[in-house]
Amino acid sequence: MSVENLFLYFLACGAATFPLGLVLVRWIASLAPNASLSRRIERAYEPALSLSLVIWILGALIFYVVALHIERQKPCTDQHTNQLTAECRKELGAPDHR
């Protein structure tokens, strides 16, 4: 599985669409501002949006770590990352920067 496929799965799972869904709910609620449902949405909107953005950021970090782990499982010559393992640095002749 390539990193591009993982990125598409990440987006398809709703990591980016949930905050957009909250914005859509807020817009729908603004059409009838005096309704009780609109007032409940207004009270819960900021915490829900904040939580969804935190989850989105954490999801992006987790995605990065998983993609890097998958990339490091490849042979050294097929890795496309600048964070090579110590073994790959030795194998490819990269200088040791300690």
PDB file of N, CA and C in Angstrom:
ATOM      1  N   MET A   1       0.851  -1.171   0.000  1.00  0.00           N
ATOM      2  CA  MET A   1       0.000   0.000   0.000  1.00  0.00           C
ATOM      3  C   MET A   1       0.899   1.238   0.000  1.00  0.00           C
ATOM      4  N   SER A   2       0.633   2.132  -0.900  1.00  0.00           N
ATOM      5  CA  SER A   2       1.463   3.334  -1.009  1.00  0.00           C
ATOM      6  C   SER A   2       0.986   4.427  -0.055  1.00  0.00           C
ATOM      7  N   VAL A   3       1.844   5.395   0.146  1.00  0.00           N
ATOM      8  CA  VAL A   3       1.509   6.518   1.017  1.00  0.00           C
ATOM      9  C   VAL A   3       0.339   7.310   0.422  1.00  0.00           C
ATOM     10  N   GLU A   4       0.274   7.391  -0.893  1.00  0.00           N
ATOM     11  CA  GLU A   4      -0.838   8.105  -1.534  1.00  0.00           C
ATOM     12  C   GLU A   4      -2.168   7.427  -1.219  1.00  0.00           C
ATOM     13  N   ASN A   5      -2.182   6.096  -1.230  1.00  0.00           N
ATOM     14  CA  ASN A   5      -3.412   5.374  -0.895  1.00  0.00           C
ATOM     15  C   ASN A   5      -3.793   5.604   0.559  1.00  0.00           C
ATOM     16  N   LEU A   6      -2.793   5.594   1.443  1.00  0.00           N
ATOM     17  CA  LEU A   6      -3.081   5.859   2.848  1.00  0.00           C
ATOM     18  C   LEU A   6      -3.659   7.256   3.045  1.00  0.00           C
ATOM     19  N   PHE A   7      -3.134   8.225   2.311  1.00  0.00           N
ATOM     20  CA  PHE A   7      -3.645   9.590   2.407  1.00  0.00           C
ATOM     21  C   PHE A   7      -5.104   9.655   1.978  1.00  0.00           C
ATOM     22  N   LEU A   8      -5.450   8.966   0.907  1.00  0.00           N
ATOM     23  CA  LEU A   8      -6.841   8.960   0.446  1.00  0.00           C
ATOM     24  C   LEU A   8      -7.754   8.283   1.464  1.00  0.00           C
ATOM     25  N   TYR A   9      -7.303   7.187   2.068  1.00  0.00           N
ATOM     26  CA  TYR A   9      -8.101   6.538   3.107  1.00  0.00           C
ATOM     27  C   TYR A   9      -8.273   7.447   4.308  1.00  0.00           C
ATOM     28  N   PHE A  10      -7.231   8.174   4.661  1.00  0.00           N
ATOM     29  CA  PHE A  10      -7.284   9.112   5.774  1.00  0.00           C
ATOM     30  C   PHE A  10      -8.364  10.167   5.533  1.00  0.00           C
ATOM     31  N   LEU A  11      -8.395  10.714   4.339  1.00  0.00           N
ATOM     32  CA  LEU A  11      -9.419  11.713   4.028  1.00  0.00           C
ATOM     33  C   LEU A  11     -10.811  11.090   3.952  1.00  0.00           C
ATOM     34  N   ALA A  12     -10.889   9.878   3.394  1.00  0.00           N
ATOM     35  CA  ALA A  12     -12.180   9.228   3.226  1.00  0.00           C
ATOM     36  C   ALA A  12     -12.803   8.850   4.568  1.00  0.00           C
ATOM     37  N   CYS A  13     -12.002   8.651   5.576  1.00  0.00           N
ATOM     38  CA  CYS A  13     -12.525   8.258   6.888  1.00  0.00           C
ATOM     39  C   CYS A  13     -13.129   9.424   7.654  1.00  0.00           C
ATOM     40  N   GLY A  14     -13.120  10.581   7.107  1.00  0.00           N
ATOM     41  CA  GLY A  14     -13.804  11.704   7.715  1.00  0.00           C
ATOM     42  C   GLY A  14     -12.927  12.633   8.521  1.00  0.00           C
ATOM     43  N   ALA A  15     -11.626  12.444   8.470  1.00  0.00           N
ATOM     44  CA  ALA A  15     -10.751  13.306   9.259  1.00  0.00           C
ATOM     45  C   ALA A  15     -10.873  14.758   8.843  1.00  0.00           C
ATOM     46  N   ALA A  16     -11.052  15.014   7.569  1.00  0.00           N
ATOM     47  CA  ALA A  16     -11.173  16.389   7.098  1.00  0.00           C
ATOM     48  C   ALA A  16     -12.628  16.798   6.911  1.00  0.00           C
ATOM     49  N   THR A  17     -13.516  15.831   6.759  1.00  0.00           N
ATOM     50  CA  THR A  17     -14.904  16.180   6.474  1.00  0.00           C
ATOM     51  C   THR A  17     -15.720  16.469   7.723  1.00  0.00           C
ATOM     52  N   PHE A  18     -15.302  15.997   8.894  1.00  0.00           N
ATOM     53  CA  PHE A  18     -16.081  16.256  10.095  1.00  0.00           C
ATOM     54  C   PHE A  18     -16.154  17.739  10.446  1.00  0.00           C
ATOM     55  N   PRO A  19     -15.028  18.472  10.456  1.00  0.00           N
ATOM     56  CA  PRO A  19     -15.149  19.915  10.709  1.00  0.00           C
ATOM     57  C   PRO A  19     -16.016  20.620   9.662  1.00  0.00           C
ATOM     58  N   LEU A  20     -15.930  20.161   8.418  1.00  0.00           N
ATOM     59  CA  LEU A  20     -16.784  20.759   7.388  1.00  0.00           C
ATOM     60  C   LEU A  20     -18.253  20.447   7.646  1.00  0.00           C
ATOM     61  N   GLY A  21     -18.526  19.255   8.159  1.00  0.00           N
ATOM     62  CA  GLY A  21     -19.902  18.898   8.522  1.00  0.00           C
ATOM     63  C   GLY A  21     -20.430  19.769   9.641  1.00  0.00           C
ATOM     64  N   LEU A  22     -19.580  20.098  10.605  1.00  0.00           N
ATOM     65  CA  LEU A  22     -19.995  20.994  11.686  1.00  0.00           C
ATOM     66  C   LEU A  22     -20.327  22.383  11.154  1.00  0.00           C
ATOM     67  N   VAL A  23     -19.538  22.860  10.224  1.00  0.00           N
ATOM     68  CA  VAL A  23     -19.808  24.165   9.624  1.00  0.00           C
ATOM     69  C   VAL A  23     -21.148  24.134   8.897  1.00  0.00           C
ATOM     70  N   LEU A  24     -21.424  23.040   8.212  1.00  0.00           N
ATOM     71  CA  LEU A  24     -22.702  22.903   7.509  1.00  0.00           C
ATOM     72  C   LEU A  24     -23.871  22.888   8.489  1.00  0.00           C
ATOM     73  N   VAL A  25     -23.730  22.188   9.604  1.00  0.00           N
ATOM     74  CA  VAL A  25     -24.789  22.172  10.624  1.00  0.00           C
ATOM     75  C   VAL A  25     -25.007  23.571  11.175  1.00  0.00           C
ATOM     76  N   ARG A  26     -23.931  24.286  11.407  1.00  0.00           N
ATOM     77  CA  ARG A  26     -24.057  25.670  11.916  1.00  0.00           C
ATOM     78  C   ARG A  26     -24.795  26.552  10.900  1.00  0.00           C
ATOM     79  N   TRP A  27     -24.482  26.366   9.631  1.00  0.00           N
ATOM     80  CA  TRP A  27     -25.143  27.158   8.601  1.00  0.00           C
ATOM     81  C   TRP A  27     -26.634  26.837   8.545  1.00  0.00           C
ATOM     82  N   ILE A  28     -26.974  25.554   8.626  1.00  0.00           N
ATOM     83  CA  ILE A  28     -28.389  25.154   8.610  1.00  0.00           C
ATOM     84  C   ILE A  28     -29.108  25.727   9.823  1.00  0.00           C
ATOM     85  N   ALA A  29     -28.455  25.703  10.983  1.00  0.00           N
ATOM     86  CA  ALA A  29     -29.072  26.250  12.194  1.00  0.00           C
ATOM     87  C   ALA A  29     -29.266  27.750  12.093  1.00  0.00           C
ATOM     88  N   SER A  30     -28.415  28.421  11.340  1.00  0.00           N
ATOM     89  CA  SER A  30     -28.540  29.874  11.224  1.00  0.00           C
ATOM     90  C   SER A  30     -29.734  30.281  10.366  1.00  0.00           C
ATOM     91  N   LEU A  31     -30.314  29.341   9.638  1.00  0.00           N
ATOM     92  CA  LEU A  31     -31.479  29.664   8.815  1.00  0.00           C
ATOM     93  C   LEU A  31     -32.710  29.947   9.668  1.00  0.00           C
ATOM     94  N   ALA A  32     -32.783  29.330  10.857  1.00  0.00           N
ATOM     95  CA  ALA A  32     -33.882  29.585  11.790  1.00  0.00           C
ATOM     96  C   ALA A  32     -33.276  29.879  13.151  1.00  0.00           C
ATOM     97  N   PRO A  33     -32.780  31.104  13.367  1.00  0.00           N
ATOM     98  CA  PRO A  33     -32.028  31.404  14.588  1.00  0.00           C
ATOM     99  C   PRO A  33     -32.840  31.358  15.874  1.00  0.00           C
ATOM    100  N   ASN A  34     -34.161  31.447  15.819  1.00  0.00           N
ATOM    101  CA  ASN A  34     -34.961  31.466  17.045  1.00  0.00           C
ATOM    102  C   ASN A  34     -35.465  30.099  17.455  1.00  0.00           C
ATOM    103  N   ALA A  35     -35.203  29.068  16.677  1.00  0.00           N
ATOM    104  CA  ALA A  35     -35.665  27.722  17.020  1.00  0.00           C
ATOM    105  C   ALA A  35     -34.833  27.154  18.164  1.00  0.00           C
ATOM    106  N   SER A  36     -35.454  26.266  18.955  1.00  0.00           N
ATOM    107  CA  SER A  36     -34.731  25.689  20.100  1.00  0.00           C
ATOM    108  C   SER A  36     -33.561  24.821  19.633  1.00  0.00           C
ATOM    109  N   LEU A  37     -33.706  24.141  18.513  1.00  0.00           N
ATOM    110  CA  LEU A  37     -32.611  23.332  17.989  1.00  0.00           C
ATOM    111  C   LEU A  37     -31.426  24.218  17.610  1.00  0.00           C
ATOM    112  N   SER A  38     -31.700  25.369  17.042  1.00  0.00           N
ATOM    113  CA  SER A  38     -30.629  26.299  16.679  1.00  0.00           C
ATOM    114  C   SER A  38     -29.883  26.794  17.905  1.00  0.00           C
ATOM    115  N   ARG A  39     -30.606  27.060  18.988  1.00  0.00           N
ATOM    116  CA  ARG A  39     -29.952  27.518  20.215  1.00  0.00           C
ATOM    117  C   ARG A  39     -29.086  26.413  20.818  1.00  0.00           C
ATOM    118  N   ARG A  40     -29.551  25.159  20.776  1.00  0.00           N
ATOM    119  CA  ARG A  40     -28.737  24.039  21.285  1.00  0.00           C
ATOM    120  C   ARG A  40     -27.499  23.849  20.432  1.00  0.00           C
ATOM    121  N   ILE A  41     -27.642  23.958  19.125  1.00  0.00           N
ATOM    122  CA  ILE A  41     -26.486  23.830  18.230  1.00  0.00           C
ATOM    123  C   ILE A  41     -25.505  24.962  18.493  1.00  0.00           C
ATOM    124  N   GLU A  42     -26.007  26.158  18.710  1.00  0.00           N
ATOM    125  CA  GLU A  42     -25.150  27.318  18.981  1.00  0.00           C
ATOM    126  C   GLU A  42     -24.315  27.105  20.247  1.00  0.00           C
ATOM    127  N   ARG A  43     -24.919  26.535  21.293  1.00  0.00           N
ATOM    128  CA  ARG A  43     -24.187  26.298  22.542  1.00  0.00           C
ATOM    129  C   ARG A  43     -23.132  25.207  22.385  1.00  0.00           C
ATOM    130  N   ALA A  44     -23.411  24.194  21.587  1.00  0.00           N
ATOM    131  CA  ALA A  44     -22.491  23.052  21.465  1.00  0.00           C
ATOM    132  C   ALA A  44     -21.511  23.206  20.314  1.00  0.00           C
ATOM    133  N   TYR A  45     -21.672  24.238  19.506  1.00  0.00           N
ATOM    134  CA  TYR A  45     -20.870  24.350  18.284  1.00  0.00           C
ATOM    135  C   TYR A  45     -19.386  24.550  18.568  1.00  0.00           C
ATOM    136  N   GLU A  46     -19.032  25.527  19.387  1.00  0.00           N
ATOM    137  CA  GLU A  46     -17.613  25.825  19.646  1.00  0.00           C
ATOM    138  C   GLU A  46     -16.875  24.635  20.254  1.00  0.00           C
ATOM    139  N   PRO A  47     -17.408  23.996  21.309  1.00  0.00           N
ATOM    140  CA  PRO A  47     -16.688  22.820  21.839  1.00  0.00           C
ATOM    141  C   PRO A  47     -16.569  21.691  20.812  1.00  0.00           C
ATOM    142  N   ALA A  48     -17.606  21.460  20.043  1.00  0.00           N
ATOM    143  CA  ALA A  48     -17.558  20.388  19.041  1.00  0.00           C
ATOM    144  C   ALA A  48     -16.540  20.700  17.954  1.00  0.00           C
ATOM    145  N   LEU A  49     -16.494  21.947  17.500  1.00  0.00           N
ATOM    146  CA  LEU A  49     -15.533  22.325  16.475  1.00  0.00           C
ATOM    147  C   LEU A  49     -14.100  22.235  17.017  1.00  0.00           C
ATOM    148  N   SER A  50     -13.893  22.701  18.240  1.00  0.00           N
ATOM    149  CA  SER A  50     -12.557  22.613  18.845  1.00  0.00           C
ATOM    150  C   SER A  50     -12.118  21.164  18.985  1.00  0.00           C
ATOM    151  N   LEU A  51     -13.002  20.317  19.475  1.00  0.00           N
ATOM    152  CA  LEU A  51     -12.680  18.904  19.633  1.00  0.00           C
ATOM    153  C   LEU A  51     -12.396  18.253  18.284  1.00  0.00           C
ATOM    154  N   SER A  52     -13.177  18.578  17.275  1.00  0.00           N
ATOM    155  CA  SER A  52     -12.961  17.965  15.965  1.00  0.00           C
ATOM    156  C   SER A  52     -11.624  18.403  15.362  1.00  0.00           C
ATOM    157  N   LEU A  53     -11.236  19.642  15.578  1.00  0.00           N
ATOM    158  CA  LEU A  53      -9.946  20.100  15.060  1.00  0.00           C
ATOM    159  C   LEU A  53      -8.782  19.449  15.799  1.00  0.00           C
ATOM    160  N   VAL A  54      -8.917  19.260  17.107  1.00  0.00           N
ATOM    161  CA  VAL A  54      -7.872  18.565  17.866  1.00  0.00           C
ATOM    162  C   VAL A  54      -7.757  17.127  17.374  1.00  0.00           C
ATOM    163  N   ILE A  55      -8.884  16.471  17.177  1.00  0.00           N
ATOM    164  CA  ILE A  55      -8.870  15.093  16.673  1.00  0.00           C
ATOM    165  C   ILE A  55      -8.273  15.059  15.275  1.00  0.00           C
ATOM    166  N   TRP A  56      -8.577  16.042  14.451  1.00  0.00           N
ATOM    167  CA  TRP A  56      -8.024  16.086  13.094  1.00  0.00           C
ATOM    168  C   TRP A  56      -6.500  16.234  13.137  1.00  0.00           C
ATOM    169  N   ILE A  57      -5.996  17.091  14.007  1.00  0.00           N
ATOM    170  CA  ILE A  57      -4.547  17.281  14.122  1.00  0.00           C
ATOM    171  C   ILE A  57      -3.881  16.012  14.649  1.00  0.00           C
ATOM    172  N   LEU A  58      -4.458  15.405  15.675  1.00  0.00           N
ATOM    173  CA  LEU A  58      -3.897  14.155  16.192  1.00  0.00           C
ATOM    174  C   LEU A  58      -3.942  13.061  15.135  1.00  0.00           C
ATOM    175  N   GLY A  59      -5.020  13.019  14.363  1.00  0.00           N
ATOM    176  CA  GLY A  59      -5.114  12.039  13.283  1.00  0.00           C
ATOM    177  C   GLY A  59      -4.040  12.251  12.236  1.00  0.00           C
ATOM    178  N   ALA A  60      -3.743  13.500  11.928  1.00  0.00           N
ATOM    179  CA  ALA A  60      -2.686  13.785  10.953  1.00  0.00           C
ATOM    180  C   ALA A  60      -1.325  13.343  11.481  1.00  0.00           C
ATOM    181  N   LEU A  61      -1.065  13.566  12.761  1.00  0.00           N
ATOM    182  CA  LEU A  61       0.201  13.128  13.343  1.00  0.00           C
ATOM    183  C   LEU A  61       0.311  11.606  13.365  1.00  0.00           C
ATOM    184  N   ILE A  62      -0.771  10.940  13.720  1.00  0.00           N
ATOM    185  CA  ILE A  62      -0.774   9.478  13.715  1.00  0.00           C
ATOM    186  C   ILE A  62      -0.578   8.958  12.296  1.00  0.00           C
ATOM    187  N   PHE A  63      -1.235   9.587  11.331  1.00  0.00           N
ATOM    188  CA  PHE A  63      -1.062   9.203   9.932  1.00  0.00           C
ATOM    189  C   PHE A  63       0.396   9.346   9.516  1.00  0.00           C
ATOM    190  N   TYR A  64       1.049  10.414   9.916  1.00  0.00           N
ATOM    191  CA  TYR A  64       2.448  10.641   9.565  1.00  0.00           C
ATOM    192  C   TYR A  64       3.333   9.545  10.143  1.00  0.00           C
ATOM    193  N   VAL A  65       3.114   9.204  11.410  1.00  0.00           N
ATOM    194  CA  VAL A  65       3.926   8.175  12.058  1.00  0.00           C
ATOM    195  C   VAL A  65       3.724   6.825  11.375  1.00  0.00           C
ATOM    196  N   VAL A  66       2.487   6.476  11.054  1.00  0.00           N
ATOM    197  CA  VAL A  66       2.211   5.200  10.392  1.00  0.00           C
ATOM    198  C   VAL A  66       2.827   5.180   8.993  1.00  0.00           C
ATOM    199  N   ALA A  67       2.691   6.267   8.252  1.00  0.00           N
ATOM    200  CA  ALA A  67       3.274   6.324   6.904  1.00  0.00           C
ATOM    201  C   ALA A  67       4.793   6.217   6.963  1.00  0.00           C
ATOM    202  N   LEU A  68       5.416   6.856   7.942  1.00  0.00           N
ATOM    203  CA  LEU A  68       6.868   6.771   8.090  1.00  0.00           C
ATOM    204  C   LEU A  68       7.284   5.355   8.457  1.00  0.00           C
ATOM    205  N   HIS A  69       6.515   4.709   9.325  1.00  0.00           N
ATOM    206  CA  HIS A  69       6.819   3.329   9.697  1.00  0.00           C
ATOM    207  C   HIS A  69       6.723   2.398   8.481  1.00  0.00           C
ATOM    208  N   ILE A  70       5.695   2.579   7.680  1.00  0.00           N
ATOM    209  CA  ILE A  70       5.543   1.757   6.471  1.00  0.00           C
ATOM    210  C   ILE A  70       6.689   2.027   5.505  1.00  0.00           C
ATOM    211  N   GLU A  71       7.073   3.274   5.361  1.00  0.00           N
ATOM    212  CA  GLU A  71       8.169   3.626   4.456  1.00  0.00           C
ATOM    213  C   GLU A  71       9.479   3.009   4.919  1.00  0.00           C
ATOM    214  N   ARG A  72       9.702   2.949   6.221  1.00  0.00           N
ATOM    215  CA  ARG A  72      10.944   2.383   6.747  1.00  0.00           C
ATOM    216  C   ARG A  72      11.002   0.870   6.622  1.00  0.00           C
ATOM    217  N   GLN A  73       9.883   0.235   6.334  1.00  0.00           N
ATOM    218  CA  GLN A  73       9.877  -1.205   6.154  1.00  0.00           C
ATOM    219  C   GLN A  73      10.385  -1.606   4.764  1.00  0.00           C
ATOM    220  N   LYS A  74      10.450  -0.651   3.866  1.00  0.00           N
ATOM    221  CA  LYS A  74      10.927  -0.918   2.509  1.00  0.00           C
ATOM    222  C   LYS A  74      12.443  -1.078   2.509  1.00  0.00           C
ATOM    223  N   PRO A  75      12.980  -1.696   1.456  1.00  0.00           N
ATOM    224  CA  PRO A  75      14.439  -1.743   1.332  1.00  0.00           C
ATOM    225  C   PRO A  75      15.004  -0.320   1.257  1.00  0.00           C
ATOM    226  N   CYS A  76      16.258  -0.172   1.681  1.00  0.00           N
ATOM    227  CA  CYS A  76      16.869   1.156   1.777  1.00  0.00           C
ATOM    228  C   CYS A  76      16.845   1.922   0.452  1.00  0.00           C
ATOM    229  N   THR A  77      17.048   1.249  -0.657  1.00  0.00           N
ATOM    230  CA  THR A  77      17.085   1.944  -1.944  1.00  0.00           C
ATOM    231  C   THR A  77      15.710   2.390  -2.412  1.00  0.00           C
ATOM    232  N   ASP A  78      14.643   1.824  -1.842  1.00  0.00           N
ATOM    233  CA  ASP A  78      13.282   2.200  -2.241  1.00  0.00           C
ATOM    234  C   ASP A  78      12.633   3.201  -1.299  1.00  0.00           C
ATOM    235  N   GLN A  79      13.316   3.570  -0.232  1.00  0.00           N
ATOM    236  CA  GLN A  79      12.733   4.515   0.721  1.00  0.00           C
ATOM    237  C   GLN A  79      12.766   5.927   0.151  1.00  0.00           C
ATOM    238  N   HIS A  80      11.660   6.631   0.296  1.00  0.00           N
ATOM    239  CA  HIS A  80      11.558   8.013  -0.180  1.00  0.00           C
ATOM    240  C   HIS A  80      11.297   8.927   1.017  1.00  0.00           C
ATOM    241  N   THR A  81      12.271   8.993   1.891  1.00  0.00           N
ATOM    242  CA  THR A  81      12.154   9.828   3.075  1.00  0.00           C
ATOM    243  C   THR A  81      13.526  10.378   3.428  1.00  0.00           C
ATOM    244  N   ASN A  82      13.560  11.499   4.105  1.00  0.00           N
ATOM    245  CA  ASN A  82      14.839  12.046   4.536  1.00  0.00           C
ATOM    246  C   ASN A  82      15.165  11.628   5.961  1.00  0.00           C
ATOM    247  N   GLN A  83      14.341  10.782   6.546  1.00  0.00           N
ATOM    248  CA  GLN A  83      14.568  10.287   7.894  1.00  0.00           C
ATOM    249  C   GLN A  83      14.953   8.813   7.832  1.00  0.00           C
ATOM    250  N   LEU A  84      16.134   8.568   7.284  1.00  0.00           N
ATOM    251  CA  LEU A  84      16.601   7.203   7.114  1.00  0.00           C
ATOM    252  C   LEU A  84      17.001   6.591   8.450  1.00  0.00           C
ATOM    253  N   THR A  85      16.868   5.276   8.531  1.00  0.00           N
ATOM    254  CA  THR A  85      17.326   4.569   9.719  1.00  0.00           C
ATOM    255  C   THR A  85      18.853   4.554   9.712  1.00  0.00           C
ATOM    256  N   ALA A  86      19.451   4.230  10.861  1.00  0.00           N
ATOM    257  CA  ALA A  86      20.909   4.184  10.968  1.00  0.00           C
ATOM    258  C   ALA A  86      21.486   3.144  10.016  1.00  0.00           C
ATOM    259  N   GLU A  87      20.792   2.019   9.860  1.00  0.00           N
ATOM    260  CA  GLU A  87      21.270   0.969   8.963  1.00  0.00           C
ATOM    261  C   GLU A  87      21.282   1.451   7.510  1.00  0.00           C
ATOM    262  N   CYS A  88      20.250   2.156   7.117  1.00  0.00           N
ATOM    263  CA  CYS A  88      20.178   2.654   5.742  1.00  0.00           C
ATOM    264  C   CYS A  88      21.226   3.740   5.497  1.00  0.00           C
ATOM    265  N   ARG A  89      21.491   4.574   6.493  1.00  0.00           N
ATOM    266  CA  ARG A  89      22.531   5.594   6.330  1.00  0.00           C
ATOM    267  C   ARG A  89      23.880   4.934   6.062  1.00  0.00           C
ATOM    268  N   LYS A  90      24.168   3.871   6.816  1.00  0.00           N
ATOM    269  CA  LYS A  90      25.427   3.146   6.615  1.00  0.00           C
ATOM    270  C   LYS A  90      25.449   2.485   5.237  1.00  0.00           C
ATOM    271  N   GLU A  91      24.330   1.841   4.876  1.00  0.00           N
ATOM    272  CA  GLU A  91      24.264   1.131   3.603  1.00  0.00           C
ATOM    273  C   GLU A  91      24.396   2.073   2.415  1.00  0.00           C
ATOM    274  N   LEU A  92      23.771   3.256   2.517  1.00  0.00           N
ATOM    275  CA  LEU A  92      23.796   4.202   1.396  1.00  0.00           C
ATOM    276  C   LEU A  92      25.002   5.132   1.459  1.00  0.00           C
ATOM    277  N   GLY A  93      25.797   5.060   2.499  1.00  0.00           N
ATOM    278  CA  GLY A  93      27.005   5.877   2.592  1.00  0.00           C
ATOM    279  C   GLY A  93      26.759   7.306   2.997  1.00  0.00           C
ATOM    280  N   ALA A  94      25.663   7.570   3.714  1.00  0.00           N
ATOM    281  CA  ALA A  94      25.377   8.922   4.169  1.00  0.00           C
ATOM    282  C   ALA A  94      26.302   9.267   5.335  1.00  0.00           C
ATOM    283  N   PRO A  95      26.740  10.531   5.442  1.00  0.00           N
ATOM    284  CA  PRO A  95      27.621  10.907   6.552  1.00  0.00           C
ATOM    285  C   PRO A  95      26.882  10.866   7.883  1.00  0.00           C
ATOM    286  N   ASP A  96      27.585  10.537   8.921  1.00  0.00           N
ATOM    287  CA  ASP A  96      27.016  10.486  10.274  1.00  0.00           C
ATOM    288  C   ASP A  96      27.091  11.870  10.893  1.00  0.00           C
ATOM    289  N   HIS A  97      25.950  12.464  11.217  1.00  0.00           N
ATOM    290  CA  HIS A  97      25.892  13.839  11.764  1.00  0.00           C
ATOM    291  C   HIS A  97      25.628  13.805  13.258  1.00  0.00           C
ATOM    292  N   ARG A  98      26.566  13.403  14.026  1.00  0.00           N
ATOM    293  CA  ARG A  98      26.383  13.380  15.485  1.00  0.00           C
ATOM    294  C   ARG A  98      27.113  14.487  16.135  1.00  0.00           C
TER     295      ARG A  98
END
